């Protein structure tokens, strides 16, 4: 796991664990530094920044379970002060 997070069974549990690692009010610089330090891009994840600078989107590389690819998307939202305001977690599965 990139941030020492393990065992989350739902997107709500994952969000709660992420907010413990990235508490609201964290600076954008701190969040981006932690993503880089964790090696998200090297591990197959994708990090995209919204042109407005208010959103950072992280897509996991996916975990293969049988014939199904299990992926997550994390959206880090920032206020006008460049401080984290929320994290949204989405999950999807692809496969036969």
Protein backbone atom coordinates (compact mmCIF):
# COMPACT_ATOMS: atom_id res chain seq x y z
CA UNK A 1 0.00 0.00 0.00
CA UNK A 2 1.26 3.46 -0.85
CA UNK A 3 0.42 5.18 2.44
CA UNK A 4 0.39 2.32 4.94
CA UNK A 5 -3.32 1.82 4.32
CA UNK A 6 -4.58 -1.74 4.27
CA UNK A 7 -7.74 -3.69 4.91
CA UNK A 8 -10.29 -1.12 3.74
CA UNK A 9 -13.32 -3.04 2.46
CA UNK A 10 -15.40 -0.12 1.26
CA UNK A 11 -14.74 3.24 -0.37
CA UNK A 12 -15.96 4.90 2.85
CA UNK A 13 -13.37 2.99 4.91
CA UNK A 14 -10.64 3.88 2.41
CA UNK A 15 -11.67 7.56 2.51
CA UNK A 16 -11.54 7.57 6.32
CA UNK A 17 -8.04 6.05 6.25
CA UNK A 18 -6.86 8.52 3.60
CA UNK A 19 -8.16 11.47 5.63
CA UNK A 20 -6.03 10.24 8.55
CA UNK A 21 -2.95 10.36 6.28
CA UNK A 22 -3.99 13.56 4.46
CA UNK A 23 -6.03 15.55 6.99
CA UNK A 24 -8.19 18.44 5.75
CA UNK A 25 -6.11 21.59 5.81
CA UNK A 26 -2.98 19.82 4.49
CA UNK A 27 -1.12 21.99 2.00
CA UNK A 28 -1.21 21.10 -1.69
CA UNK A 29 2.60 20.99 -1.59
CA UNK A 30 2.52 18.40 1.22
CA UNK A 31 -0.02 16.21 -0.59
CA UNK A 32 1.96 16.28 -3.84
CA UNK A 33 5.20 15.56 -1.97
CA UNK A 34 3.64 12.54 -0.24
CA UNK A 35 2.34 11.20 -3.56
CA UNK A 36 5.83 11.53 -5.06
CA UNK A 37 7.57 10.00 -2.02
CA UNK A 38 5.15 7.06 -2.03
CA UNK A 39 6.15 6.28 -5.63
CA UNK A 40 2.60 6.38 -6.96
CA UNK A 41 3.65 6.94 -10.58
CA UNK A 42 6.40 4.33 -10.43
CA UNK A 43 3.91 1.76 -9.11
CA UNK A 44 1.55 2.19 -12.06
CA UNK A 45 -0.63 4.97 -10.69
CA UNK A 46 -1.58 8.08 -12.61
CA UNK A 47 -1.58 11.56 -11.07
CA UNK A 48 -3.29 14.37 -12.98
CA UNK A 49 -3.76 17.98 -11.93
CA UNK A 50 -6.77 20.04 -12.93
CA UNK A 51 -5.72 23.21 -14.82
CA UNK A 52 -7.52 25.30 -12.19
CA UNK A 53 -5.19 23.88 -9.55
CA UNK A 54 -8.12 22.96 -7.33
CA UNK A 55 -8.14 19.19 -7.98
CA UNK A 56 -5.58 16.40 -8.07
CA UNK A 57 -6.81 13.11 -9.51
CA UNK A 58 -5.09 9.83 -8.66
CA UNK A 59 -5.94 6.58 -10.43
CA UNK A 60 -4.47 3.36 -9.13
CA UNK A 61 -2.83 0.93 -11.49
CA UNK A 62 -5.40 -1.68 -10.56
CA UNK A 63 -5.30 -5.02 -8.82
CA UNK A 64 -6.06 -8.18 -10.75
CA UNK A 65 -8.41 -10.53 -8.91
CA UNK A 66 -9.20 -13.60 -11.00
CA UNK A 67 -10.39 -12.12 -14.31
CA UNK A 68 -11.50 -8.80 -12.85
CA UNK A 69 -9.35 -5.64 -12.69
CA UNK A 70 -10.17 -3.69 -9.53
CA UNK A 71 -9.28 0.05 -9.65
CA UNK A 72 -9.72 3.15 -7.52
CA UNK A 73 -9.79 6.84 -8.33
CA UNK A 74 -8.98 9.37 -5.61
CA UNK A 75 -9.87 13.02 -6.07
CA UNK A 76 -8.10 15.47 -3.76
CA UNK A 77 -9.94 18.82 -3.68
CA UNK A 78 -8.27 22.05 -2.57
CA UNK A 79 -9.71 25.40 -1.53
CA UNK A 80 -8.56 28.80 -2.78
CA UNK A 81 -5.86 28.77 -0.09
CA UNK A 82 -4.32 25.58 -1.60
CA UNK A 83 -5.36 23.58 1.46
CA UNK A 84 -7.00 20.16 1.19
CA UNK A 85 -10.75 20.38 1.64
CA UNK A 86 -11.87 16.83 0.80
CA UNK A 87 -10.98 13.46 -0.70
CA UNK A 88 -13.43 11.57 -2.89
CA UNK A 89 -12.94 7.83 -3.48
CA UNK A 90 -14.46 5.97 -6.44
CA UNK A 91 -14.12 2.30 -7.26
CA UNK A 92 -14.78 0.29 -10.38
CA UNK A 93 -14.16 -3.18 -11.76
CA UNK A 94 -13.58 -4.27 -15.30
CA UNK A 95 -13.44 -7.73 -16.78
CA UNK A 96 -15.58 -10.48 -18.23
